[in-house]
């Protein structure tokens, strides 16, 4: 059994802690049960089920720490893993940035678990594959996709009296559709906490439509264009931007958030005033654990408000050095959107490009947050409010900061990888060269 109740998890960790002889000891216990189905060339290729459990012990003597893991929880095994962690701690060098475990914390009630998702059956997974493969075959399109669903828990206890427990569920679906003449490609992804919100058939239709629309793409000249970015196109760029909000990197002059001559951009306006970005573990659409790997409670917090930087992330060590309260890295990201649908945004565009997805994104300059990458799986030219024809993929060079300063329209939000991201219409997005890849 990989899923332990709160009471059973507490009992196992209390037993492990009872064997500790270290100055401080922290125990993390986790388990998951997950199923999956994969298909390619319009045929299911693999299907499986996994069950895993793991206990991690970190023992510390002064500034020295050692870690050991085990997946057997009888008394002898628990004592063995604690002894091993202590042996490793005594052999380890001192860590000058070591922080003692936290004491007892107060956490909000989690919203990350849904029974229906935990009880997904093999028959359900097979139907998801069928709902993707059958319509693809009817349209002379080849489908390749993957559904992975999971039900798990995480628990933490330490010698300072902290105890945390959370159960969660998730289902991830992704599909690529390629036309059989090799000239068109479409793609869609969905991730949900509650499987009742997963419509794999609709996602597959969206990918099929993109594949058929993108056949025999035409080449147009690279340059600066107005673009409509679907949420899956902008999510990684926004995530990379969020990483630059690390206070230590900013204080040490190593990030975009560093000011020339010293200091940070905290409190400064860096993007369009319509941009609001925050985290909220209790959001109904993208719930996340109410605590992190250090046992810190996670709360709703703004990072950009009306274009202004409101908070930076401070880990416990750096917060102590600076004499401020720690600010944990967020467990999700939510960007405010608008009422406009994708169709509305296309109709309101005289000349531009619709981008389904960006991939192979790499850093060019961390100080300016300049990134490069490629479009993929459906790139289309828009003229006078209509999609006119598919175009060949581009390489881009762009910064999310510049992108969010060139914002024209914010559209409706979609969940992408546990985050809520809106459709965005942006002017002067920089495409630098063509790519022949479909």
Protein backbone atom coordinates (compact mmCIF):
# COMPACT_ATOMS: atom_id res chain seq x y z
CA UNK A 1 0.00 0.00 0.00
CA UNK A 2 1.51 3.32 -1.11
CA UNK A 3 -1.16 5.73 0.18
CA UNK A 4 -1.14 6.22 3.95
CA UNK A 5 -3.75 8.07 5.94
CA UNK A 6 -2.75 11.05 8.05
CA UNK A 7 -2.85 8.87 11.18
CA UNK A 8 -0.78 6.05 9.65
CA UNK A 9 1.79 8.51 8.28
CA UNK A 10 2.09 10.14 11.70
CA UNK A 11 2.60 6.76 13.38
CA UNK A 12 5.39 5.73 10.97
CA UNK A 13 7.25 9.02 11.28
CA UNK A 14 6.92 9.14 15.05
CA UNK A 15 8.49 5.68 15.21
CA UNK A 16 11.37 6.80 12.97
CA UNK A 17 11.96 9.92 15.08
CA UNK A 18 12.02 7.82 18.23
CA UNK A 19 15.25 6.21 17.01
CA UNK A 20 17.02 9.53 16.43
CA UNK A 21 20.13 10.48 18.44
CA UNK A 22 20.95 13.55 16.35
CA UNK A 23 20.64 17.20 17.39
CA UNK A 24 17.75 17.57 14.94
CA UNK A 25 15.97 15.14 12.69
CA UNK A 26 13.48 15.57 9.86
CA UNK A 27 11.44 12.78 8.27
CA UNK A 28 9.58 13.01 4.96
CA UNK A 29 7.17 10.27 3.92
CA UNK A 30 5.48 10.10 0.52
CA UNK A 31 3.61 7.67 -1.65
CA UNK A 32 1.76 7.57 -4.93
CA UNK A 33 -0.37 5.32 -7.08
CA UNK A 34 -0.60 6.22 -10.75
CA UNK A 35 -1.81 4.82 -14.03
CA UNK A 36 -1.05 5.70 -17.62
CA UNK A 37 -1.79 4.92 -21.23
CA UNK A 38 0.36 5.84 -24.23
CA UNK A 39 -0.51 5.64 -27.90
CA UNK A 40 1.26 6.37 -31.18
CA UNK A 41 0.49 5.76 -34.86
CA UNK A 42 -3.18 5.55 -33.85
CA UNK A 43 -2.50 2.47 -31.71
CA UNK A 44 -2.09 2.02 -27.97
CA UNK A 45 1.53 1.08 -27.31
CA UNK A 46 1.77 0.84 -23.53
CA UNK A 47 -0.43 1.00 -20.46
CA UNK A 48 0.70 0.68 -16.88
CA UNK A 49 0.21 1.17 -13.18
CA UNK A 50 2.80 2.26 -10.61
CA UNK A 51 2.82 2.20 -6.83
CA UNK A 52 5.68 3.82 -4.92
CA UNK A 53 6.43 4.79 -1.34
CA UNK A 54 9.49 6.43 0.14
CA UNK A 55 10.76 7.68 3.49
CA UNK A 56 13.62 10.19 3.72
CA UNK A 57 15.49 10.94 6.95
CA UNK A 58 17.75 13.97 7.39
CA UNK A 59 19.80 13.92 10.58
CA UNK A 60 21.91 16.87 11.71
CA UNK A 61 24.66 17.40 14.25
CA UNK A 62 25.36 21.10 14.47
CA UNK A 63 25.93 22.28 10.89
CA UNK A 64 26.53 18.76 9.57
CA UNK A 65 23.68 16.88 7.87
CA UNK A 66 23.20 13.45 6.33
CA UNK A 67 20.29 11.99 4.38
CA UNK A 68 19.18 8.41 3.85
CA UNK A 69 16.10 6.85 2.21
CA UNK A 70 14.16 3.61 2.49
CA UNK A 71 10.89 2.09 1.28
CA UNK A 72 10.32 -0.43 4.08
CA UNK A 73 8.67 0.79 7.26
CA UNK A 74 8.99 -1.97 9.85
CA UNK A 75 10.76 -0.99 13.07
CA UNK A 76 14.09 -2.56 12.13
CA UNK A 77 14.15 -0.79 8.76
CA UNK A 78 13.23 2.54 10.29
CA UNK A 79 16.01 2.31 12.85
CA UNK A 80 18.44 1.26 10.12
CA UNK A 81 17.69 4.31 7.93
CA UNK A 82 17.97 6.70 10.90
CA UNK A 83 21.34 5.24 11.88
CA UNK A 84 22.56 5.54 8.30
CA UNK A 85 21.53 9.22 8.08
CA UNK A 86 23.41 9.88 11.33
CA UNK A 87 26.53 8.12 10.06
CA UNK A 88 26.51 10.22 6.91
CA UNK A 89 25.95 13.42 8.90
CA UNK A 90 29.08 12.79 10.98
CA UNK A 91 31.11 12.29 7.80
CA UNK A 92 29.77 15.42 6.09
CA UNK A 93 31.41 18.88 6.03
CA UNK A 94 29.67 21.70 7.83
CA UNK A 95 27.10 23.66 5.86
CA UNK A 96 27.46 27.37 6.71
CA UNK A 97 23.92 28.00 5.43
CA UNK A 98 22.28 25.23 7.45
CA UNK A 99 18.93 26.17 8.95
CA UNK A 100 17.38 24.22 11.80
CA UNK A 101 14.00 22.60 11.08
CA UNK A 102 10.91 24.71 11.69
CA UNK A 103 8.70 24.24 14.72
CA UNK A 104 4.92 23.61 14.55
CA UNK A 105 3.09 25.50 11.77
CA UNK A 106 -0.52 26.28 10.90
CA UNK A 107 -1.68 25.23 7.42
CA UNK A 108 -4.83 25.94 5.42
CA UNK A 109 -7.11 23.06 4.48
CA UNK A 110 -5.93 21.68 1.15
CA UNK A 111 -8.06 21.52 -2.02
CA UNK A 112 -5.75 19.25 -3.98
CA UNK A 113 -7.55 15.89 -3.65
CA UNK A 114 -10.58 14.61 -5.60
CA UNK A 115 -11.89 11.07 -5.14
CA UNK A 116 -12.94 10.67 -8.77
CA UNK A 117 -9.39 11.33 -9.97
CA UNK A 118 -7.96 8.90 -7.42
CA UNK A 119 -10.35 6.22 -8.71
CA UNK A 120 -9.66 6.45 -12.46
CA UNK A 121 -9.90 2.98 -14.02
CA UNK A 122 -8.04 1.28 -16.90
CA UNK A 123 -11.31 1.42 -18.83
CA UNK A 124 -11.41 5.20 -18.46
CA UNK A 125 -7.85 5.49 -19.79
CA UNK A 126 -8.69 3.25 -22.74
CA UNK A 127 -11.70 5.43 -23.56
CA UNK A 128 -9.52 8.56 -23.51
CA UNK A 129 -7.21 6.93 -26.05
CA UNK A 130 -10.16 5.82 -28.20
CA UNK A 131 -11.68 9.32 -28.12
CA UNK A 132 -8.41 10.62 -29.53
CA UNK A 133 -7.44 7.86 -31.97
CA UNK A 134 -10.81 7.29 -33.65
CA UNK A 135 -11.53 10.88 -34.76
CA UNK A 136 -7.91 11.22 -35.89
CA UNK A 137 -8.16 8.14 -38.11
CA UNK A 138 -11.40 9.45 -39.61
CA UNK A 139 -9.61 12.68 -40.63
CA UNK A 140 -6.53 10.94 -42.14
CA UNK A 141 -4.49 12.14 -39.15
CA UNK A 142 -2.12 10.17 -36.93
CA UNK A 143 -2.42 10.59 -33.16
CA UNK A 144 0.24 10.19 -30.48
CA UNK A 145 -0.71 10.91 -26.88
CA UNK A 146 -0.20 10.17 -23.23
CA UNK A 147 -2.52 10.20 -20.23
CA UNK A 148 -1.01 9.96 -16.75
CA UNK A 149 -3.12 10.13 -13.59
CA UNK A 150 -1.90 10.04 -10.01
CA UNK A 151 -3.11 9.88 -6.44
CA UNK A 152 -0.55 10.61 -3.75
CA UNK A 153 0.34 12.03 -0.38
CA UNK A 154 3.25 13.84 1.25
CA UNK A 155 3.96 14.12 4.97
CA UNK A 156 6.67 15.75 7.08
CA UNK A 157 7.59 15.54 10.74
CA UNK A 158 10.62 16.76 12.66
CA UNK A 159 12.15 16.78 16.10
CA UNK A 160 10.99 20.39 16.64
CA UNK A 161 7.33 19.34 16.67
CA UNK A 162 6.32 20.14 13.09
CA UNK A 163 3.84 17.84 11.35
CA UNK A 164 2.40 18.37 7.87
CA UNK A 165 0.28 16.15 5.65
CA UNK A 166 -1.34 16.60 2.24
CA UNK A 167 -3.13 14.37 -0.27
CA UNK A 168 -3.35 15.27 -3.95
CA UNK A 169 -4.62 14.04 -7.28
CA UNK A 170 -3.76 15.02 -10.82
CA UNK A 171 -4.41 13.93 -14.40
CA UNK A 172 -2.22 15.07 -17.31
CA UNK A 173 -3.16 14.57 -20.95
CA UNK A 174 -1.13 15.61 -23.99
CA UNK A 175 -1.64 14.76 -27.65
CA UNK A 176 0.12 15.50 -30.94
CA UNK A 177 -1.73 15.11 -34.24
CA UNK A 178 0.20 14.85 -37.51
CA UNK A 179 -1.41 14.80 -40.96
CA UNK A 180 -0.53 11.70 -42.92
CA UNK A 181 1.02 13.74 -45.72
CA UNK A 182 3.60 14.96 -43.18
CA UNK A 183 2.91 18.67 -43.65
CA UNK A 184 0.62 19.49 -40.72
CA UNK A 185 0.93 19.23 -36.94
CA UNK A 186 -1.38 20.10 -34.06
CA UNK A 187 -1.05 19.75 -30.31
CA UNK A 188 -3.06 20.14 -27.13
CA UNK A 189 -2.52 19.56 -23.43
CA UNK A 190 -4.77 19.41 -20.39
CA UNK A 191 -3.98 18.98 -16.71
CA UNK A 192 -6.60 18.83 -13.96
CA UNK A 193 -7.00 18.10 -10.28
CA UNK A 194 -10.59 16.95 -10.82
CA UNK A 195 -10.93 14.47 -13.69
CA UNK A 196 -14.50 15.67 -14.25
CA UNK A 197 -12.90 18.75 -15.86
CA UNK A 198 -10.87 16.69 -18.33
CA UNK A 199 -12.36 16.63 -21.83
CA UNK A 200 -9.79 14.67 -23.82
CA UNK A 201 -12.14 14.42 -26.80
CA UNK A 202 -12.38 18.21 -27.11
CA UNK A 203 -8.62 18.60 -26.67
CA UNK A 204 -8.02 16.00 -29.37
CA UNK A 205 -10.41 17.77 -31.74
CA UNK A 206 -8.53 21.00 -31.15
CA UNK A 207 -5.25 19.29 -32.04
CA UNK A 208 -6.79 17.64 -35.13
CA UNK A 209 -8.14 20.97 -36.35
CA UNK A 210 -4.73 22.60 -35.87
CA UNK A 211 -3.03 19.77 -37.77
CA UNK A 212 -5.41 20.04 -40.73
CA UNK A 213 -5.18 23.83 -40.77
CA UNK A 214 -1.38 23.81 -40.71
CA UNK A 215 -0.83 21.67 -43.82
CA UNK A 216 1.46 23.06 -46.53
CA UNK A 217 2.65 26.05 -44.54
CA UNK A 218 3.95 29.09 -46.40
CA UNK A 219 7.15 30.94 -45.59
CA UNK A 220 6.99 34.60 -44.62
CA UNK A 221 9.83 36.90 -43.73
CA UNK A 222 11.07 36.95 -40.12
CA UNK A 223 10.69 40.23 -38.27
CA UNK A 224 8.60 41.93 -35.61
CA UNK A 225 4.94 40.93 -35.65
CA UNK A 226 1.82 41.33 -33.57
CA UNK A 227 1.21 37.88 -32.09
CA UNK A 228 -1.59 36.11 -30.28
CA UNK A 229 0.03 33.74 -27.82
CA UNK A 230 -2.02 30.82 -26.58
CA UNK A 231 -1.41 30.06 -22.85
CA UNK A 232 0.78 27.07 -23.74
CA UNK A 233 2.98 29.41 -25.79
CA UNK A 234 3.63 31.96 -23.06
CA UNK A 235 3.61 29.81 -19.92
CA UNK A 236 7.29 28.85 -19.96
CA UNK A 237 8.44 32.40 -20.68
CA UNK A 238 6.38 33.64 -17.74
CA UNK A 239 7.72 30.85 -15.53
CA UNK A 240 11.29 31.78 -16.44
CA UNK A 241 10.53 35.39 -15.55
CA UNK A 242 9.18 34.34 -12.17
CA UNK A 243 12.45 32.58 -11.35
CA UNK A 244 14.20 35.95 -11.65
CA UNK A 245 12.27 37.10 -8.57
CA UNK A 246 14.78 35.28 -6.35
CA UNK A 247 15.86 37.90 -3.80
CA UNK A 248 19.36 36.51 -3.25
CA UNK A 249 20.20 36.52 -6.96
CA UNK A 250 18.86 40.07 -7.18
CA UNK A 251 20.78 41.26 -4.11
CA UNK A 252 23.99 39.75 -5.46
CA UNK A 253 23.59 41.43 -8.86
CA UNK A 254 22.96 38.19 -10.75
CA UNK A 255 19.49 38.64 -12.23
CA UNK A 256 17.13 40.90 -14.10
CA UNK A 257 15.76 42.04 -10.75
CA UNK A 258 19.16 43.53 -9.84
CA UNK A 259 19.52 47.31 -10.15
CA UNK A 260 22.61 48.78 -11.68
CA UNK A 261 24.78 50.08 -8.86
CA UNK A 262 23.12 47.84 -6.23
CA UNK A 263 19.70 47.09 -4.83
CA UNK A 264 16.71 45.40 -6.41
CA UNK A 265 13.70 46.40 -8.48
CA UNK A 266 11.27 45.67 -5.65
CA UNK A 267 8.57 48.35 -5.77
CA UNK A 268 9.35 49.37 -9.36
CA UNK A 269 7.02 49.19 -12.35
CA UNK A 270 8.57 46.76 -14.83
CA UNK A 271 5.67 45.81 -17.14
CA UNK A 272 2.30 47.07 -18.40
CA UNK A 273 -0.03 48.16 -15.58
CA UNK A 274 -2.59 45.54 -16.66
CA UNK A 275 -0.23 42.76 -15.60
CA UNK A 276 -1.10 41.14 -12.27
CA UNK A 277 0.67 37.96 -11.22
CA UNK A 278 0.18 36.10 -7.95
CA UNK A 279 0.18 32.71 -6.25
CA UNK A 280 -2.70 31.11 -4.38
CA UNK A 281 -2.58 27.46 -3.18
CA UNK A 282 -6.32 27.58 -2.48
CA UNK A 283 -7.38 28.65 -5.97
CA UNK A 284 -10.22 26.36 -7.09
CA UNK A 285 -8.86 25.88 -10.62
CA UNK A 286 -5.17 25.32 -9.76
CA UNK A 287 -5.00 24.21 -6.11
CA UNK A 288 -1.62 23.27 -4.68
CA UNK A 289 -0.19 22.02 -1.41
CA UNK A 290 -0.57 24.52 1.47
CA UNK A 291 3.04 23.83 2.55
CA UNK A 292 6.40 23.39 0.83
CA UNK A 293 9.38 21.07 1.20
CA UNK A 294 10.72 23.09 4.12
CA UNK A 295 7.43 22.90 5.98
CA UNK A 296 6.65 26.58 5.39
CA UNK A 297 3.00 27.52 5.07
CA UNK A 298 2.07 28.78 1.60
CA UNK A 299 -0.40 31.65 1.28
CA UNK A 300 -1.85 33.84 -1.42
CA UNK A 301 0.71 36.49 -2.37
CA UNK A 302 1.10 39.07 -5.14
CA UNK A 303 4.34 39.27 -7.10
CA UNK A 304 3.33 41.79 -9.75
CA UNK A 305 0.47 44.17 -9.05
CA UNK A 306 -0.55 46.67 -11.74
CA UNK A 307 2.85 46.15 -13.34
CA UNK A 308 4.78 46.80 -10.10
CA UNK A 309 7.03 44.25 -8.36
CA UNK A 310 5.45 43.63 -4.95
CA UNK A 311 7.49 40.71 -3.54
CA UNK A 312 10.67 38.73 -4.10
CA UNK A 313 11.34 35.17 -2.90
CA UNK A 314 13.47 34.86 0.24
CA UNK A 315 14.53 31.42 1.41
CA UNK A 316 14.94 31.06 5.16
CA UNK A 317 18.71 31.53 5.13
CA UNK A 318 18.72 34.68 2.97
CA UNK A 319 15.78 36.14 4.88
CA UNK A 320 17.76 35.71 8.10
CA UNK A 321 20.78 37.44 6.55
CA UNK A 322 18.64 40.38 5.43
CA UNK A 323 16.50 40.58 8.56
CA UNK A 324 13.20 40.04 6.73
CA UNK A 325 10.47 37.41 6.80
CA UNK A 326 10.95 34.43 4.46
CA UNK A 327 8.88 34.45 1.27
CA UNK A 328 8.57 30.91 -0.13
CA UNK A 329 8.78 30.20 -3.83
CA UNK A 330 5.18 29.82 -5.11
CA UNK A 331 3.58 26.47 -5.79
CA UNK A 332 1.52 27.90 -8.67
CA UNK A 333 1.33 31.01 -10.80
CA UNK A 334 -1.83 32.91 -11.72
CA UNK A 335 -1.89 35.78 -14.20
CA UNK A 336 -4.98 37.92 -14.48
CA UNK A 337 -6.76 37.76 -17.82
CA UNK A 338 -9.65 39.46 -19.55
CA UNK A 339 -12.98 38.57 -21.11
CA UNK A 340 -11.82 38.22 -24.73
CA UNK A 341 -11.96 34.78 -26.30
CA UNK A 342 -9.40 33.57 -28.82
CA UNK A 343 -11.95 34.18 -31.56
CA UNK A 344 -12.50 37.75 -30.33
CA UNK A 345 -8.76 38.43 -30.40
CA UNK A 346 -8.38 37.06 -33.93
CA UNK A 347 -11.31 39.18 -35.16
CA UNK A 348 -9.69 42.27 -33.65
CA UNK A 349 -6.34 41.70 -35.39
CA UNK A 350 -5.64 43.42 -38.70
CA UNK A 351 -2.32 41.65 -39.28
CA UNK A 352 -0.55 39.20 -37.01
CA UNK A 353 0.48 35.65 -36.15
CA UNK A 354 -1.27 33.05 -33.99
CA UNK A 355 1.19 30.91 -32.01
CA UNK A 356 0.01 27.60 -30.57
CA UNK A 357 3.15 26.64 -28.71
CA UNK A 358 6.78 27.58 -28.04
CA UNK A 359 9.42 24.97 -27.27
CA UNK A 360 13.16 24.35 -26.94
CA UNK A 361 13.43 27.61 -25.02
CA UNK A 362 16.94 28.55 -23.92
CA UNK A 363 18.48 31.53 -22.10
CA UNK A 364 20.37 34.07 -24.18
CA UNK A 365 20.95 36.76 -21.52
CA UNK A 366 19.79 36.29 -17.90
CA UNK A 367 20.33 39.95 -17.09
CA UNK A 368 17.70 41.05 -19.62
CA UNK A 369 15.67 37.81 -19.54
CA UNK A 370 16.26 37.35 -23.26
CA UNK A 371 15.27 33.87 -24.48
CA UNK A 372 15.33 32.03 -27.78
CA UNK A 373 13.21 29.13 -28.99
CA UNK A 374 10.91 27.89 -31.74
CA UNK A 375 7.23 27.89 -32.59
CA UNK A 376 5.60 24.50 -33.06
CA UNK A 377 2.39 22.57 -33.83
CA UNK A 378 0.37 25.26 -35.54
CA UNK A 379 1.53 28.78 -36.51
CA UNK A 380 -0.88 30.86 -38.57
CA UNK A 381 -0.99 34.20 -40.37
CA UNK A 382 -3.92 36.48 -39.46
CA UNK A 383 -5.20 39.19 -41.78
CA UNK A 384 -8.26 41.43 -41.39
CA UNK A 385 -9.64 39.43 -38.48
CA UNK A 386 -9.31 35.97 -40.02
CA UNK A 387 -6.76 33.16 -40.11
CA UNK A 388 -5.61 33.29 -43.74
CA UNK A 389 -3.07 30.45 -44.02
CA UNK A 390 -0.53 28.39 -42.07
CA UNK A 391 3.05 29.64 -41.98
CA UNK A 392 6.38 27.94 -41.43
CA UNK A 393 7.75 27.86 -37.92
CA UNK A 394 10.03 30.60 -36.62
CA UNK A 395 12.90 30.94 -34.23
CA UNK A 396 12.26 33.81 -31.83
CA UNK A 397 14.43 36.01 -29.62
CA UNK A 398 12.31 37.70 -26.99
CA UNK A 399 12.13 38.74 -23.35
CA UNK A 400 8.95 38.24 -21.31
CA UNK A 401 9.58 41.70 -19.87
CA UNK A 402 9.50 43.30 -23.32
CA UNK A 403 6.54 41.07 -24.20
CA UNK A 404 4.55 42.26 -21.19
CA UNK A 405 5.40 45.89 -21.94
CA UNK A 406 4.08 45.44 -25.49
CA UNK A 407 0.79 44.00 -24.31
CA UNK A 408 -2.28 44.89 -26.37
CA UNK A 409 -5.03 42.55 -25.12
CA UNK A 410 -5.48 40.06 -22.27
CA UNK A 411 -7.85 37.19 -23.01
CA UNK A 412 -9.44 34.37 -21.08
CA UNK A 413 -7.36 32.16 -18.79
CA UNK A 414 -6.52 28.48 -19.25
CA UNK A 415 -4.85 26.03 -16.91
CA UNK A 416 -1.38 25.00 -18.13
CA UNK A 417 0.91 22.81 -16.02
CA UNK A 418 -0.85 23.76 -12.79
CA UNK A 419 -0.88 27.49 -13.57
CA UNK A 420 -3.57 29.88 -14.87
CA UNK A 421 -2.36 31.80 -17.92
CA UNK A 422 -4.40 34.09 -20.21
CA UNK A 423 -4.36 34.36 -23.98
CA UNK A 424 -2.27 37.40 -24.85
CA UNK A 425 -2.05 39.68 -27.82
CA UNK A 426 1.37 41.33 -28.02
CA UNK A 427 2.88 43.73 -30.55
CA UNK A 428 6.43 43.66 -31.94
CA UNK A 429 7.26 40.06 -30.99
CA UNK A 430 10.66 39.29 -32.56
CA UNK A 431 11.05 36.37 -34.96
CA UNK A 432 14.63 36.03 -36.16
CA UNK A 433 14.68 33.17 -38.68
CA UNK A 434 12.63 30.42 -40.31
CA UNK A 435 12.57 26.74 -39.31
CA UNK A 436 11.70 23.98 -41.78
CA UNK A 437 10.53 21.64 -39.01
CA UNK A 438 6.80 20.86 -39.06
